[in-house]
Amino acid sequence: MPTRAERFLDHLDKLSGGIEPRFFPLESTKPGLKGLTVIVWDDLPEAGMITGVTYGLSLAEHPEWRLGRPELCISVRSNDLNWPLAMGHLAETQRRHNPFHHGDTINFGERIATESVMTAFLISAPPVLDRADYTGIDVGEELPVNITGLYPIHDGERRFINKHGLETFWNRDWDPHDVHREAVA
């Protein structure tokens, strides 16, 4: 019988077409919780991009997780490992506290990576997956895992989203994978 982690990794393996990822384990800062791992693919979904997915956020419990437990996904036009590792840091330090709802923003508090001035994240549907591929992932437990997207944004965009909502921001002309883009709000 496959373990919870094996079931999740099998799902990711099917989505990546069997491309071998790299694994970056992060030690837990939460008593009673195992560590978290950032799974990273280079040049996926296309050359010049880096994609990362967490495993371990969904091991925590949160009272607002009634239909599924999240894992995070980031996919940006870069080869800088700091993007997925920053995502992993957020997932590890904020699990049990942050429900990671779509439309929420996170102030990272500093540049996420040295190549970009972006200092915040937007939470929404994952950038590179179809709905059937990111929702209801059976890991052998009562609640499935849902993969949630994390998008790097500028701090002014974070404030704009918090004031005007996700849809107003999302409908602007912006490239969610471009970490060098100018702010659009």
C-alpha atoms as a PDB file:
ATOM      1  CA  MET A   1       0.000   0.000   0.000  1.00  0.00           C
ATOM      2  CA  PRO A   2       1.584   3.326  -1.027  1.00  0.00           C
ATOM      3  CA  THR A   3       2.161   5.945   1.657  1.00  0.00           C
ATOM      4  CA  ARG A   4       0.565   9.387   1.628  1.00  0.00           C
ATOM      5  CA  ALA A   5       3.780  10.930   0.283  1.00  0.00           C
ATOM      6  CA  GLU A   6       4.138   8.229  -2.388  1.00  0.00           C
ATOM      7  CA  ARG A   7       0.582   8.861  -3.602  1.00  0.00           C
ATOM      8  CA  PHE A   8       1.250  12.591  -3.882  1.00  0.00           C
ATOM      9  CA  LEU A   9       4.588  12.059  -5.635  1.00  0.00           C
ATOM     10  CA  ASP A  10       2.964   9.590  -8.062  1.00  0.00           C
ATOM     11  CA  HIS A  11       0.437  12.292  -8.946  1.00  0.00           C
ATOM     12  CA  LEU A  12       3.207  14.859  -9.513  1.00  0.00           C
ATOM     13  CA  ASP A  13       5.207  12.342 -11.550  1.00  0.00           C
ATOM     14  CA  LYS A  14       2.263  11.890 -13.926  1.00  0.00           C
ATOM     15  CA  LEU A  15       1.868  15.658 -14.270  1.00  0.00           C
ATOM     16  CA  SER A  16       5.570  16.205 -15.018  1.00  0.00           C
ATOM     17  CA  GLY A  17       5.742  13.411 -17.549  1.00  0.00           C
ATOM     18  CA  GLY A  18       8.273  11.578 -15.411  1.00  0.00           C
ATOM     19  CA  ILE A  19      10.858  14.376 -15.404  1.00  0.00           C
ATOM     20  CA  GLU A  20      13.137  13.854 -12.415  1.00  0.00           C
ATOM     21  CA  PRO A  21      12.762  16.619  -9.794  1.00  0.00           C
ATOM     22  CA  ARG A  22      15.170  17.797  -7.126  1.00  0.00           C
ATOM     23  CA  PHE A  23      14.160  17.560  -3.458  1.00  0.00           C
ATOM     24  CA  PHE A  24      14.955  20.180  -0.803  1.00  0.00           C
ATOM     25  CA  PRO A  25      13.935  19.128   2.724  1.00  0.00           C
ATOM     26  CA  LEU A  26      13.258  21.846   5.299  1.00  0.00           C
ATOM     27  CA  GLU A  27      13.310  21.058   9.001  1.00  0.00           C
ATOM     28  CA  SER A  28      10.104  21.634  10.914  1.00  0.00           C
ATOM     29  CA  THR A  29       9.803  24.594  13.245  1.00  0.00           C
ATOM     30  CA  LYS A  30       6.452  23.275  14.450  1.00  0.00           C
ATOM     31  CA  PRO A  31       6.400  20.825  17.376  1.00  0.00           C
ATOM     32  CA  GLY A  32       4.662  17.604  16.418  1.00  0.00           C
ATOM     33  CA  LEU A  33       4.950  18.188  12.655  1.00  0.00           C
ATOM     34  CA  LYS A  34       7.380  16.529  10.291  1.00  0.00           C
ATOM     35  CA  GLY A  35       9.549  18.657   8.044  1.00  0.00           C
ATOM     36  CA  LEU A  36       8.455  19.995   4.689  1.00  0.00           C
ATOM     37  CA  THR A  37      10.011  19.251   1.292  1.00  0.00           C
ATOM     38  CA  VAL A  38      10.209  21.530  -1.729  1.00  0.00           C
ATOM     39  CA  ILE A  39      10.090  19.536  -4.967  1.00  0.00           C
ATOM     40  CA  VAL A  40      11.673  21.426  -7.877  1.00  0.00           C
ATOM     41  CA  TRP A  41      11.685  20.902 -11.640  1.00  0.00           C
ATOM     42  CA  ASP A  42      14.002  22.877 -13.895  1.00  0.00           C
ATOM     43  CA  ASP A  43      12.803  23.858 -17.372  1.00  0.00           C
ATOM     44  CA  LEU A  44       9.208  22.869 -16.619  1.00  0.00           C
ATOM     45  CA  PRO A  45       6.725  23.600 -18.108  1.00  0.00           C
ATOM     46  CA  GLU A  46       9.166  25.086 -20.628  1.00  0.00           C
ATOM     47  CA  ALA A  47      12.842  25.950 -20.979  1.00  0.00           C
ATOM     48  CA  GLY A  48      13.947  28.831 -18.764  1.00  0.00           C
ATOM     49  CA  MET A  49      11.319  28.225 -16.082  1.00  0.00           C
ATOM     50  CA  ILE A  50      11.523  26.758 -12.610  1.00  0.00           C
ATOM     51  CA  THR A  51       8.539  25.069 -10.960  1.00  0.00           C
ATOM     52  CA  GLY A  52       8.261  24.022  -7.341  1.00  0.00           C
ATOM     53  CA  VAL A  53       5.645  22.233  -5.247  1.00  0.00           C
ATOM     54  CA  THR A  54       5.624  21.757  -1.486  1.00  0.00           C
ATOM     55  CA  TYR A  55       4.954  18.563   0.379  1.00  0.00           C
ATOM     56  CA  GLY A  56       4.297  18.910   4.094  1.00  0.00           C
ATOM     57  CA  LEU A  57       1.980  21.905   4.361  1.00  0.00           C
ATOM     58  CA  SER A  58      -0.971  19.518   4.134  1.00  0.00           C
ATOM     59  CA  LEU A  59       0.360  17.521   7.096  1.00  0.00           C
ATOM     60  CA  ALA A  60      -0.741  20.373   9.364  1.00  0.00           C
ATOM     61  CA  GLU A  61      -4.305  21.044  10.418  1.00  0.00           C
ATOM     62  CA  HIS A  62      -6.253  24.261  10.075  1.00  0.00           C
ATOM     63  CA  PRO A  63      -9.902  24.779  11.097  1.00  0.00           C
ATOM     64  CA  GLU A  64     -10.748  26.313   7.707  1.00  0.00           C
ATOM     65  CA  TRP A  65      -9.559  23.273   5.729  1.00  0.00           C
ATOM     66  CA  ARG A  66     -12.834  21.396   5.406  1.00  0.00           C
ATOM     67  CA  LEU A  67     -12.770  20.277   1.746  1.00  0.00           C
ATOM     68  CA  GLY A  68      -9.065  19.608   1.313  1.00  0.00           C
ATOM     69  CA  ARG A  69      -5.593  20.469   2.515  1.00  0.00           C
ATOM     70  CA  PRO A  70      -3.265  22.656   0.443  1.00  0.00           C
ATOM     71  CA  GLU A  71       0.192  22.242  -0.980  1.00  0.00           C
ATOM     72  CA  LEU A  72       1.727  25.232  -2.770  1.00  0.00           C
ATOM     73  CA  CYS A  73       3.022  25.555  -6.339  1.00  0.00           C
ATOM     74  CA  ILE A  74       5.141  28.261  -7.963  1.00  0.00           C
ATOM     75  CA  SER A  75       6.229  28.474 -11.597  1.00  0.00           C
ATOM     76  CA  VAL A  76       8.301  31.422 -12.810  1.00  0.00           C
ATOM     77  CA  ARG A  77      10.515  32.387 -15.716  1.00  0.00           C
ATOM     78  CA  SER A  78      13.819  32.087 -13.879  1.00  0.00           C
ATOM     79  CA  ASN A  79      16.423  29.522 -12.912  1.00  0.00           C
ATOM     80  CA  ASP A  80      16.851  30.963  -9.400  1.00  0.00           C
ATOM     81  CA  LEU A  81      16.168  28.349  -6.744  1.00  0.00           C
ATOM     82  CA  ASN A  82      15.214  31.103  -4.272  1.00  0.00           C
ATOM     83  CA  TRP A  83      11.689  31.277  -5.748  1.00  0.00           C
ATOM     84  CA  PRO A  84      10.604  27.746  -4.784  1.00  0.00           C
ATOM     85  CA  LEU A  85      12.660  27.814  -1.580  1.00  0.00           C
ATOM     86  CA  ALA A  86      10.928  31.038  -0.470  1.00  0.00           C
ATOM     87  CA  MET A  87       7.605  29.298  -1.125  1.00  0.00           C
ATOM     88  CA  GLY A  88       8.758  26.381   1.029  1.00  0.00           C
ATOM     89  CA  HIS A  89       9.833  28.740   3.808  1.00  0.00           C
ATOM     90  CA  LEU A  90       6.375  30.371   3.806  1.00  0.00           C
ATOM     91  CA  ALA A  91       4.589  27.028   3.815  1.00  0.00           C
ATOM     92  CA  GLU A  92       6.709  25.701   6.673  1.00  0.00           C
ATOM     93  CA  THR A  93       6.564  28.773   8.896  1.00  0.00           C
ATOM     94  CA  GLN A  94       2.891  29.603   8.278  1.00  0.00           C
ATOM     95  CA  ARG A  95       1.348  26.131   8.405  1.00  0.00           C
ATOM     96  CA  ARG A  96      -1.305  25.856  11.118  1.00  0.00           C
ATOM     97  CA  HIS A  97      -1.716  29.664  10.969  1.00  0.00           C
ATOM     98  CA  ASN A  98      -2.417  30.598   7.342  1.00  0.00           C
ATOM     99  CA  PRO A  99      -5.327  28.933   5.498  1.00  0.00           C
ATOM    100  CA  PHE A 100      -3.777  29.882   2.107  1.00  0.00           C
ATOM    101  CA  HIS A 101      -7.096  31.007   0.605  1.00  0.00           C
ATOM    102  CA  HIS A 102      -7.315  32.000  -3.046  1.00  0.00           C
ATOM    103  CA  GLY A 103      -7.185  35.780  -3.339  1.00  0.00           C
ATOM    104  CA  ASP A 104      -5.119  36.265  -0.188  1.00  0.00           C
ATOM    105  CA  THR A 105      -1.725  37.937  -0.317  1.00  0.00           C
ATOM    106  CA  ILE A 106       1.435  37.432   1.714  1.00  0.00           C
ATOM    107  CA  ASN A 107       3.978  40.136   2.453  1.00  0.00           C
ATOM    108  CA  PHE A 108       7.357  38.374   2.302  1.00  0.00           C
ATOM    109  CA  GLY A 109       8.954  41.462   3.859  1.00  0.00           C
ATOM    110  CA  GLU A 110      12.031  41.523   1.628  1.00  0.00           C
ATOM    111  CA  ARG A 111      13.061  40.710  -1.917  1.00  0.00           C
ATOM    112  CA  ILE A 112      12.112  37.125  -2.665  1.00  0.00           C
ATOM    113  CA  ALA A 113      15.137  36.725  -4.946  1.00  0.00           C
ATOM    114  CA  THR A 114      17.971  39.120  -5.741  1.00  0.00           C
ATOM    115  CA  GLU A 115      17.059  39.199  -9.446  1.00  0.00           C
ATOM    116  CA  SER A 116      13.694  40.881  -8.729  1.00  0.00           C
ATOM    117  CA  VAL A 117      12.244  43.691  -6.614  1.00  0.00           C
ATOM    118  CA  MET A 118       9.110  41.645  -5.846  1.00  0.00           C
ATOM    119  CA  THR A 119       8.412  41.260  -2.129  1.00  0.00           C
ATOM    120  CA  ALA A 120       4.978  39.645  -1.916  1.00  0.00           C
ATOM    121  CA  PHE A 121       2.898  36.703  -3.106  1.00  0.00           C
ATOM    122  CA  LEU A 122      -0.648  36.242  -4.375  1.00  0.00           C
ATOM    123  CA  ILE A 123      -2.462  32.979  -3.666  1.00  0.00           C
ATOM    124  CA  SER A 124      -4.674  31.639  -6.460  1.00  0.00           C
ATOM    125  CA  ALA A 125      -5.174  28.629  -8.719  1.00  0.00           C
ATOM    126  CA  PRO A 126      -1.860  27.067  -9.780  1.00  0.00           C
ATOM    127  CA  PRO A 127      -0.206  28.649 -12.794  1.00  0.00           C
ATOM    128  CA  VAL A 128       0.466  25.596 -14.937  1.00  0.00           C
ATOM    129  CA  LEU A 129      -2.149  22.950 -14.088  1.00  0.00           C
ATOM    130  CA  ASP A 130      -5.672  22.118 -15.198  1.00  0.00           C
ATOM    131  CA  ARG A 131      -8.335  22.095 -12.459  1.00  0.00           C
ATOM    132  CA  ALA A 132      -8.645  18.294 -12.521  1.00  0.00           C
ATOM    133  CA  ASP A 133      -4.891  18.050 -11.898  1.00  0.00           C
ATOM    134  CA  TYR A 134      -4.747  20.341  -8.858  1.00  0.00           C
ATOM    135  CA  THR A 135      -7.936  19.529  -6.929  1.00  0.00           C
ATOM    136  CA  GLY A 136      -9.047  16.439  -5.060  1.00  0.00           C
ATOM    137  CA  ILE A 137      -5.726  14.581  -5.090  1.00  0.00           C
ATOM    138  CA  ASP A 138      -6.295  11.293  -3.264  1.00  0.00           C
ATOM    139  CA  VAL A 139      -3.543  10.673  -0.717  1.00  0.00           C
ATOM    140  CA  GLY A 140      -5.430   7.947   1.143  1.00  0.00           C
ATOM    141  CA  GLU A 141      -6.913  10.185   3.833  1.00  0.00           C
ATOM    142  CA  GLU A 142     -10.348  11.651   4.480  1.00  0.00           C
ATOM    143  CA  LEU A 143      -9.394  15.040   3.030  1.00  0.00           C
ATOM    144  CA  PRO A 144      -7.706  15.215  -0.375  1.00  0.00           C
ATOM    145  CA  VAL A 145      -4.820  17.524  -1.224  1.00  0.00           C
ATOM    146  CA  ASN A 146      -5.413  20.587  -3.403  1.00  0.00           C
ATOM    147  CA  ILE A 147      -2.457  22.303  -5.053  1.00  0.00           C
ATOM    148  CA  THR A 148      -2.624  26.080  -4.636  1.00  0.00           C
ATOM    149  CA  GLY A 149      -0.701  28.562  -6.775  1.00  0.00           C
ATOM    150  CA  LEU A 150       1.675  31.176  -5.407  1.00  0.00           C
ATOM    151  CA  TYR A 151       2.487  34.170  -7.634  1.00  0.00           C
ATOM    152  CA  PRO A 152       5.256  36.687  -6.947  1.00  0.00           C
ATOM    153  CA  ILE A 153       3.942  40.260  -6.982  1.00  0.00           C
ATOM    154  CA  HIS A 154       5.071  43.780  -6.128  1.00  0.00           C
ATOM    155  CA  ASP A 155       4.127  45.252  -2.744  1.00  0.00           C
ATOM    156  CA  GLY A 156       1.966  47.923  -4.409  1.00  0.00           C
ATOM    157  CA  GLU A 157       0.071  45.130  -6.173  1.00  0.00           C
ATOM    158  CA  ARG A 158      -0.414  43.366  -2.834  1.00  0.00           C
ATOM    159  CA  ARG A 159      -1.956  46.509  -1.367  1.00  0.00           C
ATOM    160  CA  PHE A 160      -4.108  46.976  -4.505  1.00  0.00           C
ATOM    161  CA  ILE A 161      -5.432  43.394  -4.276  1.00  0.00           C
ATOM    162  CA  ASN A 162      -6.200  43.807  -0.574  1.00  0.00           C
ATOM    163  CA  LYS A 163      -8.183  46.981  -1.351  1.00  0.00           C
ATOM    164  CA  HIS A 164      -9.858  46.129  -4.699  1.00  0.00           C
ATOM    165  CA  GLY A 165      -9.912  42.324  -4.794  1.00  0.00           C
ATOM    166  CA  LEU A 166      -8.280  39.594  -6.827  1.00  0.00           C
ATOM    167  CA  GLU A 167     -10.480  39.825  -9.926  1.00  0.00           C
ATOM    168  CA  THR A 168      -9.780  43.527 -10.475  1.00  0.00           C
ATOM    169  CA  PHE A 169      -6.049  42.833 -10.332  1.00  0.00           C
ATOM    170  CA  TRP A 170      -6.179  39.580 -12.323  1.00  0.00           C
ATOM    171  CA  ASN A 171      -7.898  41.301 -15.262  1.00  0.00           C
ATOM    172  CA  ARG A 172      -4.983  43.707 -15.709  1.00  0.00           C
ATOM    173  CA  ASP A 173      -2.364  43.086 -18.377  1.00  0.00           C
ATOM    174  CA  TRP A 174       0.353  41.170 -16.518  1.00  0.00           C
ATOM    175  CA  ASP A 175       2.447  38.037 -16.942  1.00  0.00           C
ATOM    176  CA  PRO A 176       2.230  35.940 -13.767  1.00  0.00           C
ATOM    177  CA  HIS A 177       5.451  34.075 -14.652  1.00  0.00           C
ATOM    178  CA  ASP A 178       7.610  37.182 -15.254  1.00  0.00           C
ATOM    179  CA  VAL A 179       9.617  38.071 -12.151  1.00  0.00           C
ATOM    180  CA  HIS A 180      11.210  41.069 -13.927  1.00  0.00           C
ATOM    181  CA  ARG A 181       7.972  42.773 -14.979  1.00  0.00           C
ATOM    182  CA  GLU A 182       6.953  46.261 -13.943  1.00  0.00           C
ATOM    183  CA  ALA A 183       4.168  46.672 -11.395  1.00  0.00           C
ATOM    184  CA  VAL A 184       0.678  46.897 -12.918  1.00  0.00           C
ATOM    185  CA  ALA A 185      -0.980  48.498  -9.881  1.00  0.00           C
END
